[in-house]
């Protein structure tokens, strides 16, 4: 999309659906958390004095039941969307070329230079 229809991104017409990373069941209530910080906020707000929370971490959309995927990620009334924006076209183009280009050594170099920055890797 970046290469073939950049005008859609520039016009603000491209969005990413943000599926939850966690499902948190506390008693009969279910909460959805986008990330670790969101999970911690939910637990602090709703967890005190209630049954022990049951926390499920999703590793991908394939782990969700179709109904849950619809409710959390696809339903226009409840989904969370993130608009794709390009802050610096030159940097974006360089990174896209390194990660998606034909030269595997550029990809390897990119990964190795940033390996220290990675806190969590799902393999």
Foldseek 3Di string as FASTA:
>chain_A
DCVPCVVCLVVQNDKDWQFFQKWKDWPNDIDGHRDDVRVVVCCVVPVPPTPDIDMDGDPDPVVDDPVSCCQETNPPVHIDIDTDHDPDVVVVVVVCCLCVNPDVVSVVVVCVVCVVVDDDDDD
